[in-house]
């Protein structure tokens, strides 16, 4: 506690001192934009979050720090930057508003599914078919694979559908969050029929974006290895680091270990009226309508091909429209089935909105922080680093692209933003076809990797929200898993720069991952056996 107080006091005194320097005229000629200072706001937010274990104030203070730098510590300009450029700027983004609407609508749907008895009926059915932790984890992974058209849609749907099942099988909320997060973006990143194909086709000029996306898949080491990591650890039921603590506690009945800020709705009484179809039908309608509206926004019904329609779709608008249609369908369906009366349906709307307020606040602050970071010129700063690093060292280029993409995605919390910055730079270097493919893949992989370990990542936030897990518990337990796959991927990108062959690099990547995990598994089992013998 004393360390936190000293840190906070030092931060306040430091900002106060800089404000005095501004009014003394010392800082008037200093330019923070486009310098190393541009990465300071997210770093402050992340450090504060790790120290205080509190997300809201940490993100807000990071936002304020960015606004102070942008305004050169002018008080009035700082307030304007925080609210006009930051919070209002992020909320005026139609894509962000669409995601917030989708999030709230899905929260309402989850409450409706629970109060109708559909969730309880599905739980009874799952209890008869899913009898082990291993099958429950693999089932969660499989559902994530099936729903890999969009990462936002994936995380929220998989989490809310599978949470009762993983709870029943004593799987910690941290492990559920990891499986959701580790499946969503990596799976979307290797699926050409997904909203993520737009990240390539819209940011790489002069080439066929979808074709380049397909060619990059075998070199997307981080995404492929992360998916393999989920399967291997689930099959072996092996965990390490903080995740092991959470899983051991879950086996003893504590699913959270840390449950600060988690609000669990009381389980509605099971009236027995609900059937499995009452859960499956709304979820099926949600999937179909969201995909249909995404294709509609991409021009599929106007003659555009399926792949190009996904590449050019407005995912935010599609998810928003699809979820609202599903909500209307579900309300009418439950009313006609006699599962809920009109008052209960309307009460569920308010309860669903309330349940999503914590996630909404985190997302708004995270987006606002990202807006301020962009205003501080993080794009030009990273581009300058990249250009300097890319000169010479040709075979190391994929590894350099990967490392910079990881750092940028970690600092900004945005994989799409990272791709938007790095991909045009990679495309403009004038690389040979094979090296271009490998470097593009390194950018895509690095963007997902940095996004996975960033506390301010929107996908990361949604994964913990869907699992009803304390956000920092999700980040801290997932980080050791990300670190292992990151290290192997970095080595493989060096190898890819030398060999330029996925046939060589992919087997090496999987052998390294499987060897390290199984080796650690058997060492852990041996130690456990020795302790049992001694006791």
Protein backbone atom coordinates (compact mmCIF):
# COMPACT_ATOMS: atom_id res chain seq x y z
CA UNK A 1 0.00 0.00 0.00
CA UNK A 2 2.84 2.40 0.87
CA UNK A 3 4.48 1.79 -2.53
CA UNK A 4 1.22 2.63 -4.30
CA UNK A 5 0.82 5.85 -2.30
CA UNK A 6 4.42 6.88 -3.00
CA UNK A 7 4.00 6.10 -6.71
CA UNK A 8 0.74 8.09 -6.93
CA UNK A 9 2.23 11.01 -5.02
CA UNK A 10 5.29 11.02 -7.27
CA UNK A 11 3.09 11.00 -10.38
CA UNK A 12 0.97 13.90 -9.12
CA UNK A 13 4.05 15.94 -8.14
CA UNK A 14 5.67 15.22 -11.49
CA UNK A 15 2.62 16.41 -13.45
CA UNK A 16 2.30 19.47 -11.21
CA UNK A 17 5.96 20.31 -11.81
CA UNK A 18 5.54 20.02 -15.57
CA UNK A 19 2.46 22.26 -15.43
CA UNK A 20 4.52 24.88 -13.59
CA UNK A 21 7.21 24.54 -16.27
CA UNK A 22 4.57 25.20 -18.95
CA UNK A 23 3.34 28.36 -17.31
CA UNK A 24 6.96 29.41 -16.91
CA UNK A 25 7.36 29.10 -20.69
CA UNK A 26 9.97 26.33 -20.51
CA UNK A 27 7.88 23.75 -22.40
CA UNK A 28 6.39 26.06 -25.05
CA UNK A 29 9.02 25.21 -27.66
CA UNK A 30 9.21 21.48 -26.87
CA UNK A 31 7.40 19.10 -29.21
CA UNK A 32 6.11 15.82 -27.78
CA UNK A 33 4.32 14.75 -30.97
CA UNK A 34 6.00 12.04 -33.04
CA UNK A 35 8.63 11.31 -30.37
CA UNK A 36 9.17 8.54 -27.84
CA UNK A 37 6.76 10.45 -25.59
CA UNK A 38 3.92 9.27 -27.86
CA UNK A 39 4.02 5.79 -26.29
CA UNK A 40 4.03 7.15 -22.72
CA UNK A 41 0.21 7.31 -22.14
CA UNK A 42 -0.50 3.59 -22.73
CA UNK A 43 2.64 2.65 -20.78
CA UNK A 44 1.40 4.72 -17.82
CA UNK A 45 -2.06 3.11 -18.04
CA UNK A 46 -0.60 -0.40 -18.15
CA UNK A 47 1.85 0.19 -15.27
CA UNK A 48 -0.88 1.75 -13.10
CA UNK A 49 -3.24 -1.14 -13.86
CA UNK A 50 -0.64 -3.68 -12.84
CA UNK A 51 0.22 -1.77 -9.64
CA UNK A 52 -3.29 -0.79 -8.49
CA UNK A 53 -5.17 -3.82 -9.93
CA UNK A 54 -7.83 -1.30 -11.02
CA UNK A 55 -8.58 -0.72 -14.69
CA UNK A 56 -10.93 2.28 -14.92
CA UNK A 57 -8.79 4.86 -13.13
CA UNK A 58 -5.60 3.54 -14.77
CA UNK A 59 -7.01 4.00 -18.27
CA UNK A 60 -8.37 7.43 -17.40
CA UNK A 61 -5.06 8.60 -15.92
CA UNK A 62 -3.25 7.32 -19.02
CA UNK A 63 -5.72 9.36 -21.09
CA UNK A 64 -5.07 12.46 -18.97
CA UNK A 65 -1.29 11.95 -19.27
CA UNK A 66 -1.61 11.79 -23.07
CA UNK A 67 -3.76 14.91 -23.13
CA UNK A 68 -1.20 16.77 -20.97
CA UNK A 69 1.60 15.86 -23.39
CA UNK A 70 -0.48 16.77 -26.44
CA UNK A 71 -1.43 20.17 -24.97
CA UNK A 72 2.08 20.77 -23.55
CA UNK A 73 0.51 20.88 -20.05
CA UNK A 74 -1.91 23.69 -20.79
CA UNK A 75 -4.83 23.06 -18.42
CA UNK A 76 -7.66 24.25 -20.71
CA UNK A 77 -6.27 22.48 -23.77
CA UNK A 78 -5.78 19.33 -21.69
CA UNK A 79 -9.45 19.22 -20.70
CA UNK A 80 -10.45 19.77 -24.32
CA UNK A 81 -8.16 16.95 -25.47
CA UNK A 82 -9.53 14.53 -22.83
CA UNK A 83 -13.19 15.11 -23.59
CA UNK A 84 -13.39 16.44 -27.17
CA UNK A 85 -10.55 14.54 -28.84
CA UNK A 86 -10.58 11.53 -26.52
CA UNK A 87 -13.95 10.49 -25.09
CA UNK A 88 -16.26 12.32 -27.50
CA UNK A 89 -13.96 11.52 -30.41
CA UNK A 90 -14.12 7.79 -29.70
CA UNK A 91 -17.90 7.87 -29.19
CA UNK A 92 -18.45 9.80 -32.43
CA UNK A 93 -16.81 6.95 -34.33
CA UNK A 94 -19.68 5.02 -35.95
CA UNK A 95 -17.72 1.76 -35.78
CA UNK A 96 -17.24 2.12 -32.03
CA UNK A 97 -20.92 2.98 -31.52
CA UNK A 98 -21.90 -0.11 -33.48
CA UNK A 99 -19.74 -2.30 -31.24
CA UNK A 100 -21.21 -0.71 -28.09
CA UNK A 101 -24.72 -1.34 -29.41
CA UNK A 102 -23.83 -4.94 -30.23
CA UNK A 103 -22.34 -5.39 -26.75
CA UNK A 104 -25.44 -4.03 -24.99
CA UNK A 105 -27.80 -6.03 -27.21
CA UNK A 106 -25.88 -9.22 -26.54
CA UNK A 107 -26.02 -8.48 -22.81
CA UNK A 108 -29.82 -8.24 -23.05
CA UNK A 109 -29.95 -11.49 -25.04
CA UNK A 110 -27.90 -13.28 -22.38
CA UNK A 111 -30.34 -12.18 -19.66
CA UNK A 112 -33.30 -13.26 -21.80
CA UNK A 113 -31.74 -16.67 -22.46
CA UNK A 114 -31.24 -17.17 -18.73
CA UNK A 115 -34.67 -16.02 -17.56
CA UNK A 116 -36.50 -17.98 -20.24
CA UNK A 117 -35.02 -21.23 -18.98
CA UNK A 118 -33.13 -21.87 -22.22
CA UNK A 119 -29.72 -21.68 -20.56
CA UNK A 120 -30.80 -24.08 -17.79
CA UNK A 121 -32.16 -26.55 -20.36
CA UNK A 122 -28.93 -26.36 -22.34
CA UNK A 123 -26.99 -26.89 -19.11
CA UNK A 124 -29.00 -30.04 -18.36
CA UNK A 125 -28.35 -31.31 -21.88
CA UNK A 126 -24.64 -30.49 -21.70
CA UNK A 127 -24.42 -32.22 -18.32
CA UNK A 128 -25.44 -35.45 -20.00
CA UNK A 129 -22.94 -35.13 -22.87
CA UNK A 130 -19.97 -33.15 -21.47
CA UNK A 131 -18.65 -35.06 -18.47
CA UNK A 132 -15.05 -33.85 -18.15
CA UNK A 133 -12.99 -30.68 -17.99
CA UNK A 134 -11.04 -31.76 -21.09
CA UNK A 135 -14.17 -32.12 -23.23
CA UNK A 136 -15.59 -28.84 -21.90
CA UNK A 137 -12.43 -26.93 -22.86
CA UNK A 138 -12.21 -28.56 -26.29
CA UNK A 139 -15.93 -27.86 -26.87
CA UNK A 140 -15.34 -24.18 -26.09
CA UNK A 141 -12.44 -24.15 -28.54
CA UNK A 142 -14.53 -25.92 -31.21
CA UNK A 143 -17.38 -23.40 -30.90
CA UNK A 144 -14.85 -20.58 -31.27
CA UNK A 145 -13.55 -22.17 -34.47
CA UNK A 146 -17.07 -22.45 -35.88
CA UNK A 147 -17.90 -18.80 -35.07
CA UNK A 148 -14.72 -17.31 -36.53
CA UNK A 149 -16.34 -14.78 -38.86
CA UNK A 150 -15.56 -11.91 -36.46
CA UNK A 151 -13.58 -11.69 -33.23
CA UNK A 152 -16.07 -9.48 -31.32
CA UNK A 153 -18.97 -11.72 -32.24
CA UNK A 154 -16.86 -14.80 -31.44
CA UNK A 155 -15.74 -13.75 -27.96
CA UNK A 156 -19.11 -12.59 -26.68
CA UNK A 157 -21.14 -15.46 -28.11
CA UNK A 158 -18.76 -18.28 -27.11
CA UNK A 159 -18.26 -16.89 -23.61
CA UNK A 160 -21.94 -16.50 -22.83
CA UNK A 161 -22.93 -19.88 -24.28
CA UNK A 162 -20.11 -21.94 -22.73
CA UNK A 163 -19.76 -20.24 -19.32
CA UNK A 164 -22.41 -22.38 -17.55
CA UNK A 165 -20.81 -25.54 -18.95
CA UNK A 166 -17.26 -24.64 -17.92
CA UNK A 167 -18.54 -23.60 -14.48
CA UNK A 168 -20.19 -26.98 -14.07
CA UNK A 169 -16.88 -28.70 -14.92
CA UNK A 170 -14.87 -26.51 -12.50
CA UNK A 171 -12.87 -24.61 -15.12
CA UNK A 172 -11.67 -21.25 -13.85
CA UNK A 173 -13.01 -18.07 -15.41
CA UNK A 174 -9.40 -17.12 -16.24
CA UNK A 175 -8.97 -20.33 -18.28
CA UNK A 176 -12.29 -19.74 -20.05
CA UNK A 177 -11.16 -16.19 -20.91
CA UNK A 178 -7.89 -17.52 -22.28
CA UNK A 179 -9.57 -20.13 -24.50
CA UNK A 180 -11.99 -17.50 -25.85
CA UNK A 181 -9.28 -14.90 -26.48
CA UNK A 182 -6.77 -17.40 -27.88
CA UNK A 183 -9.32 -18.74 -30.36
CA UNK A 184 -11.10 -15.59 -31.57
CA UNK A 185 -8.51 -13.32 -33.21
CA UNK A 186 -6.03 -16.08 -34.22
CA UNK A 187 -8.83 -18.03 -35.92
CA UNK A 188 -10.18 -14.93 -37.68
CA UNK A 189 -6.63 -14.16 -38.81
CA UNK A 190 -6.40 -17.39 -40.80
CA UNK A 191 -9.99 -17.31 -42.13
CA UNK A 192 -10.35 -15.55 -45.51
CA UNK A 193 -14.13 -15.51 -45.04
CA UNK A 194 -14.05 -13.15 -42.06
CA UNK A 195 -14.06 -9.44 -41.34
CA UNK A 196 -10.30 -9.58 -40.75
CA UNK A 197 -9.56 -10.09 -44.44
CA UNK A 198 -10.36 -6.39 -44.76
CA UNK A 199 -7.25 -5.61 -42.70
CA UNK A 200 -5.11 -6.75 -45.63
CA UNK A 201 -7.21 -5.83 -48.64
CA UNK A 202 -7.87 -2.27 -47.45
CA UNK A 203 -4.30 -1.48 -46.33
CA UNK A 204 -2.16 -3.02 -49.07
CA UNK A 205 -2.36 -1.25 -52.42
CA UNK A 206 -1.23 -2.55 -55.80
CA UNK A 207 -1.81 -6.24 -55.01
CA UNK A 208 -4.78 -8.57 -54.55
CA UNK A 209 -5.40 -8.27 -50.81
CA UNK A 210 -7.37 -11.49 -50.41
CA UNK A 211 -4.77 -13.47 -52.37
CA UNK A 212 -2.00 -12.01 -50.23
CA UNK A 213 -4.01 -12.88 -47.09
CA UNK A 214 -4.26 -16.52 -48.22
CA UNK A 215 -0.55 -16.75 -49.03
CA UNK A 216 0.33 -15.32 -45.61
CA UNK A 217 -1.58 -17.98 -43.62
CA UNK A 218 1.20 -20.66 -43.55
CA UNK A 219 3.64 -18.03 -42.21
CA UNK A 220 1.27 -16.73 -39.51
CA UNK A 221 3.19 -18.58 -36.81
CA UNK A 222 1.71 -16.82 -33.79
CA UNK A 223 -1.93 -17.48 -34.75
CA UNK A 224 -1.32 -21.12 -35.72
CA UNK A 225 0.78 -21.86 -32.63
CA UNK A 226 -1.71 -20.16 -30.31
CA UNK A 227 -4.51 -22.40 -31.61
CA UNK A 228 -2.25 -25.42 -31.14
CA UNK A 229 -1.41 -24.21 -27.63
CA UNK A 230 -5.08 -24.21 -26.64
CA UNK A 231 -5.56 -27.77 -27.90
CA UNK A 232 -2.36 -29.14 -26.33
CA UNK A 233 -2.93 -27.60 -22.89
CA UNK A 234 -6.59 -28.69 -22.95
CA UNK A 235 -5.79 -32.29 -23.89
CA UNK A 236 -2.96 -32.55 -21.34
CA UNK A 237 -4.89 -30.43 -18.80
CA UNK A 238 -1.58 -28.75 -18.11
CA UNK A 239 -1.19 -25.17 -16.89
CA UNK A 240 1.65 -23.08 -15.54
CA UNK A 241 2.21 -19.66 -14.02
CA UNK A 242 -0.75 -17.86 -12.45
CA UNK A 243 -3.15 -19.91 -14.56
CA UNK A 244 -2.18 -23.01 -12.59
CA UNK A 245 -3.19 -21.27 -9.36
CA UNK A 246 -6.57 -20.28 -10.82
CA UNK A 247 -7.20 -23.81 -12.10
CA UNK A 248 -6.26 -25.40 -8.75
CA UNK A 249 -8.63 -23.01 -6.98
CA UNK A 250 -11.38 -23.81 -9.48
CA UNK A 251 -11.08 -27.52 -8.69
CA UNK A 252 -11.72 -26.55 -5.06
CA UNK A 253 -14.80 -24.53 -5.98
CA UNK A 254 -13.33 -21.03 -6.42
CA UNK A 255 -13.79 -20.13 -10.09
CA UNK A 256 -12.45 -16.58 -9.76
CA UNK A 257 -9.47 -16.50 -7.36
CA UNK A 258 -9.76 -12.72 -7.81
CA UNK A 259 -13.34 -11.52 -8.20
CA UNK A 260 -13.07 -7.75 -7.67
CA UNK A 261 -15.52 -5.93 -9.90
CA UNK A 262 -17.33 -9.09 -11.00
CA UNK A 263 -21.09 -8.92 -10.75
CA UNK A 264 -22.76 -12.30 -11.12
CA UNK A 265 -26.46 -12.20 -11.81
CA UNK A 266 -28.43 -14.49 -9.56
CA UNK A 267 -29.38 -17.67 -11.35
CA UNK A 268 -33.09 -17.52 -12.23
CA UNK A 269 -35.24 -20.31 -10.89
CA UNK A 270 -35.62 -23.08 -13.43
CA UNK A 271 -39.34 -23.24 -14.19
CA UNK A 272 -38.87 -26.32 -16.34
CA UNK A 273 -40.59 -24.61 -19.29
CA UNK A 274 -37.36 -23.91 -21.14
CA UNK A 275 -36.03 -26.29 -23.77
CA UNK A 276 -32.67 -26.54 -25.51
CA UNK A 277 -34.24 -25.08 -28.65
CA UNK A 278 -35.00 -21.90 -26.67
CA UNK A 279 -31.25 -21.25 -26.47
CA UNK A 280 -30.12 -22.74 -29.77
CA UNK A 281 -32.71 -20.97 -31.94
CA UNK A 282 -31.86 -17.37 -30.82
CA UNK A 283 -28.12 -18.13 -31.09
CA UNK A 284 -28.63 -19.60 -34.59
CA UNK A 285 -30.65 -16.53 -35.61
CA UNK A 286 -27.90 -14.31 -34.20
CA UNK A 287 -25.23 -16.10 -36.23
CA UNK A 288 -27.26 -16.09 -39.44
CA UNK A 289 -28.42 -12.46 -39.21
CA UNK A 290 -24.99 -11.10 -38.26
CA UNK A 291 -23.29 -12.95 -41.13
CA UNK A 292 -26.07 -11.94 -43.54
CA UNK A 293 -25.86 -8.25 -42.61
CA UNK A 294 -22.06 -8.30 -42.80
CA UNK A 295 -22.36 -9.71 -46.33
CA UNK A 296 -25.01 -7.11 -47.11
CA UNK A 297 -22.74 -4.24 -46.08
CA UNK A 298 -20.00 -5.77 -48.24
CA UNK A 299 -22.25 -5.81 -51.32
CA UNK A 300 -22.75 -9.57 -51.58
CA UNK A 301 -26.43 -9.23 -52.52
CA UNK A 302 -25.44 -6.75 -55.21
CA UNK A 303 -23.20 -9.22 -57.03
CA UNK A 304 -19.91 -8.98 -55.08
CA UNK A 305 -18.18 -12.32 -54.51
CA UNK A 306 -18.39 -13.97 -51.08
CA UNK A 307 -14.73 -13.44 -50.15
CA UNK A 308 -14.65 -9.82 -51.37
CA UNK A 309 -17.92 -9.09 -49.56
CA UNK A 310 -16.39 -10.24 -46.28
CA UNK A 311 -13.22 -8.28 -47.05
CA UNK A 312 -15.15 -5.05 -47.71
CA UNK A 313 -17.91 -5.44 -45.11
CA UNK A 314 -18.69 -3.04 -42.29
CA UNK A 315 -18.41 -5.57 -39.46
CA UNK A 316 -19.52 -3.12 -36.77
CA UNK A 317 -22.73 -2.17 -38.63
CA UNK A 318 -23.42 -5.79 -39.58
CA UNK A 319 -23.10 -7.02 -35.99
CA UNK A 320 -25.23 -4.15 -34.72
CA UNK A 321 -28.04 -4.79 -37.23
CA UNK A 322 -27.93 -8.56 -36.81
CA UNK A 323 -28.04 -8.42 -33.01
CA UNK A 324 -30.98 -5.97 -32.97
CA UNK A 325 -32.98 -8.17 -35.35
CA UNK A 326 -32.17 -11.19 -33.17
CA UNK A 327 -33.30 -9.31 -30.06
CA UNK A 328 -36.63 -8.49 -31.68
CA UNK A 329 -37.07 -12.11 -32.80
CA UNK A 330 -36.21 -13.46 -29.33
CA UNK A 331 -38.64 -11.15 -27.53
CA UNK A 332 -41.51 -12.14 -29.84
CA UNK A 333 -40.57 -15.85 -29.74
CA UNK A 334 -40.41 -16.02 -25.93
CA UNK A 335 -43.68 -14.07 -25.60
CA UNK A 336 -45.52 -16.38 -28.00
CA UNK A 337 -44.02 -19.47 -26.27
CA UNK A 338 -45.35 -18.18 -22.95
CA UNK A 339 -41.90 -18.31 -21.36
CA UNK A 340 -41.97 -14.64 -20.24
CA UNK A 341 -44.62 -11.95 -19.97
CA UNK A 342 -44.22 -8.41 -21.32
CA UNK A 343 -43.02 -6.93 -18.02
CA UNK A 344 -40.37 -9.64 -17.57
CA UNK A 345 -39.14 -9.06 -21.12
CA UNK A 346 -38.75 -5.32 -20.54
CA UNK A 347 -37.07 -5.83 -17.15
CA UNK A 348 -34.54 -8.07 -18.92
CA UNK A 349 -33.62 -5.21 -21.24
CA UNK A 350 -32.64 -3.00 -18.29
CA UNK A 351 -30.79 -5.84 -16.54
CA UNK A 352 -28.86 -6.69 -19.71
CA UNK A 353 -27.77 -3.09 -20.18
CA UNK A 354 -26.68 -2.87 -16.54
CA UNK A 355 -24.60 -6.05 -16.81
CA UNK A 356 -22.55 -4.55 -19.64
CA UNK A 357 -21.78 -1.17 -18.04
CA UNK A 358 -18.29 -2.20 -16.74
CA UNK A 359 -17.25 -3.42 -20.20
CA UNK A 360 -18.65 -0.26 -21.83
CA UNK A 361 -16.61 1.96 -19.51
CA UNK A 362 -13.39 0.05 -20.12
CA UNK A 363 -13.89 0.10 -23.88
CA UNK A 364 -14.68 3.82 -24.00
CA UNK A 365 -11.60 4.69 -21.93
CA UNK A 366 -9.42 2.32 -23.99
CA UNK A 367 -10.63 3.80 -27.28
CA UNK A 368 -10.17 7.35 -25.92
CA UNK A 369 -6.61 6.52 -24.88
CA UNK A 370 -5.97 5.17 -28.37
CA UNK A 371 -7.32 8.39 -29.92
CA UNK A 372 -4.93 10.50 -27.83
CA UNK A 373 -1.99 8.22 -28.64
CA UNK A 374 -2.66 8.67 -32.35
CA UNK A 375 -2.83 12.45 -31.88
CA UNK A 376 0.58 12.25 -30.24
CA UNK A 377 1.96 10.84 -33.50
CA UNK A 378 2.72 7.28 -32.48
CA UNK A 379 2.21 6.31 -36.15
CA UNK A 380 5.02 8.50 -37.45
CA UNK A 381 7.29 7.58 -34.53
CA UNK A 382 6.90 3.84 -35.19
CA UNK A 383 7.24 4.36 -38.95
CA UNK A 384 10.56 6.12 -38.33
CA UNK A 385 11.83 3.26 -36.17
CA UNK A 386 10.70 0.77 -38.78
CA UNK A 387 12.41 2.57 -41.65
CA UNK A 388 15.66 2.72 -39.73
CA UNK A 389 15.49 -0.93 -38.74
CA UNK A 390 14.58 -2.09 -42.24
CA UNK A 391 17.67 -0.63 -43.83
CA UNK A 392 20.01 -3.58 -44.43
CA UNK A 393 19.52 -6.82 -42.43
CA UNK A 394 17.26 -8.11 -45.18
CA UNK A 395 16.81 -11.61 -43.78
CA UNK A 396 15.87 -10.20 -40.35
CA UNK A 397 13.08 -8.07 -41.79
CA UNK A 398 10.18 -10.46 -40.89
CA UNK A 399 11.43 -10.71 -37.29
CA UNK A 400 11.78 -6.92 -37.09
CA UNK A 401 8.27 -6.42 -38.49
CA UNK A 402 6.92 -8.95 -35.99
CA UNK A 403 8.65 -7.32 -33.00
CA UNK A 404 7.54 -3.78 -33.92
CA UNK A 405 3.97 -4.94 -34.57
CA UNK A 406 3.86 -6.65 -31.16
CA UNK A 407 5.14 -3.52 -29.42
CA UNK A 408 2.72 -1.20 -31.23
CA UNK A 409 -0.32 -3.43 -30.67
CA UNK A 410 0.61 -3.79 -27.00
CA UNK A 411 0.95 -0.02 -26.57
CA UNK A 412 -2.21 0.93 -28.45
CA UNK A 413 -4.38 -2.11 -27.69
CA UNK A 414 -5.45 -2.26 -31.33
CA UNK A 415 -4.50 -5.02 -33.76
CA UNK A 416 -6.41 -3.36 -36.60
CA UNK A 417 -4.73 -0.03 -35.89
CA UNK A 418 -1.33 -1.74 -35.91
CA UNK A 419 -2.03 -3.37 -39.25
CA UNK A 420 -3.20 -0.04 -40.62
CA UNK A 421 0.15 1.53 -39.70
CA UNK A 422 2.60 -1.25 -40.54
CA UNK A 423 1.07 -2.88 -43.65
CA UNK A 424 1.38 0.18 -45.93
CA UNK A 425 5.02 0.58 -44.84
CA UNK A 426 5.80 -3.08 -45.63
CA UNK A 427 4.02 -2.80 -48.98
CA UNK A 428 5.96 0.34 -49.86
CA UNK A 429 9.45 -1.08 -49.28
CA UNK A 430 9.46 -2.89 -52.64
CA UNK A 431 10.16 -6.42 -51.42
CA UNK A 432 10.28 -9.53 -53.58
CA UNK A 433 7.02 -11.52 -53.66
CA UNK A 434 8.01 -14.21 -51.13
CA UNK A 435 9.57 -11.80 -48.64
CA UNK A 436 6.53 -9.53 -48.99
CA UNK A 437 4.22 -12.42 -48.03
CA UNK A 438 6.36 -13.38 -45.02
CA UNK A 439 6.65 -9.76 -43.83
CA UNK A 440 2.90 -9.16 -44.18
CA UNK A 441 2.24 -12.34 -42.22
CA UNK A 442 4.70 -11.19 -39.54
CA UNK A 443 2.73 -7.94 -39.24
CA UNK A 444 -0.59 -9.77 -38.90
CA UNK A 445 0.85 -12.20 -36.34
CA UNK A 446 2.52 -9.43 -34.34
CA UNK A 447 -0.68 -7.40 -34.28
CA UNK A 448 -2.62 -10.31 -32.77
CA UNK A 449 0.19 -11.12 -30.32
CA UNK A 450 0.50 -7.57 -28.97
CA UNK A 451 -3.27 -7.33 -28.77
CA UNK A 452 -3.38 -10.54 -26.69
CA UNK A 453 -1.08 -9.28 -23.96
CA UNK A 454 -2.32 -5.68 -23.76
CA UNK A 455 -4.64 -4.77 -20.86
CA UNK A 456 -6.18 -2.03 -23.01
CA UNK A 457 -7.06 -4.31 -25.95
CA UNK A 458 -10.75 -4.29 -26.87
CA UNK A 459 -10.77 -8.01 -27.75
CA UNK A 460 -9.02 -8.79 -24.47
CA UNK A 461 -11.61 -6.71 -22.60
CA UNK A 462 -14.48 -8.47 -24.37
CA UNK A 463 -13.02 -11.91 -23.61
CA UNK A 464 -12.89 -11.20 -19.87
CA UNK A 465 -16.36 -9.63 -20.05
CA UNK A 466 -17.86 -12.65 -21.80
CA UNK A 467 -16.29 -15.01 -19.26
CA UNK A 468 -17.25 -12.74 -16.34
CA UNK A 469 -13.60 -12.77 -15.27
CA UNK A 470 -11.69 -9.98 -13.54
CA UNK A 471 -9.95 -8.26 -16.43
CA UNK A 472 -6.46 -8.10 -14.93
CA UNK A 473 -6.72 -11.75 -13.89
CA UNK A 474 -7.29 -12.61 -17.55
CA UNK A 475 -4.33 -10.52 -18.69
CA UNK A 476 -1.90 -11.80 -16.05
CA UNK A 477 -2.81 -15.48 -16.51
CA UNK A 478 -2.71 -15.28 -20.31
CA UNK A 479 0.65 -13.46 -20.50
CA UNK A 480 2.93 -16.51 -19.83
CA UNK A 481 1.18 -18.43 -22.60
CA UNK A 482 1.54 -15.50 -25.00
CA UNK A 483 5.22 -15.12 -24.06
CA UNK A 484 6.06 -18.73 -24.97
CA UNK A 485 4.34 -18.58 -28.36
CA UNK A 486 5.84 -15.13 -29.00
CA UNK A 487 9.38 -16.42 -28.41
CA UNK A 488 8.91 -19.42 -30.72
CA UNK A 489 7.31 -17.22 -33.39
CA UNK A 490 10.20 -14.74 -33.27
CA UNK A 491 12.73 -17.53 -33.80
CA UNK A 492 10.67 -18.90 -36.69
CA UNK A 493 10.49 -15.49 -38.39
CA UNK A 494 14.29 -15.32 -38.34
CA UNK A 495 14.32 -18.80 -39.87
CA UNK A 496 11.66 -17.75 -42.41
CA UNK A 497 13.78 -14.78 -43.45
CA UNK A 498 16.64 -17.17 -44.22
CA UNK A 499 14.77 -20.11 -45.80
CA UNK A 500 11.62 -18.34 -47.09
CA UNK A 501 9.85 -21.70 -46.82
CA UNK A 502 6.79 -22.51 -44.69
CA UNK A 503 7.49 -26.22 -45.29
CA UNK A 504 10.65 -25.81 -43.20
CA UNK A 505 9.46 -23.27 -40.64
CA UNK A 506 6.03 -24.67 -39.68
CA UNK A 507 7.30 -28.13 -38.63
CA UNK A 508 10.08 -26.48 -36.61
CA UNK A 509 7.51 -24.21 -34.92
CA UNK A 510 5.19 -27.06 -33.94
CA UNK A 511 8.05 -29.31 -32.80
CA UNK A 512 9.37 -26.54 -30.55
CA UNK A 513 5.93 -25.85 -29.05
CA UNK A 514 4.99 -29.50 -28.52
CA UNK A 515 8.45 -30.32 -27.19
CA UNK A 516 8.48 -27.49 -24.65
CA UNK A 517 4.90 -28.07 -23.42
CA UNK A 518 5.14 -31.86 -23.16
CA UNK A 519 8.59 -31.58 -21.56
CA UNK A 520 7.25 -29.17 -18.93
CA UNK A 521 4.21 -31.42 -18.44
CA UNK A 522 6.27 -34.52 -17.67
CA UNK A 523 8.65 -32.58 -15.41
CA UNK A 524 5.63 -31.23 -13.51
CA UNK A 525 4.12 -34.72 -13.20
CA UNK A 526 7.43 -36.11 -11.96
CA UNK A 527 7.75 -33.41 -9.30
CA UNK A 528 4.15 -33.99 -8.18
CA UNK A 529 4.84 -37.73 -7.91
CA UNK A 530 8.00 -37.15 -5.89
CA UNK A 531 6.13 -34.86 -3.48
CA UNK A 532 3.39 -37.47 -3.10
CA UNK A 533 5.96 -40.18 -2.30
CA UNK A 534 7.75 -37.97 0.25
CA UNK A 535 4.50 -37.10 1.99
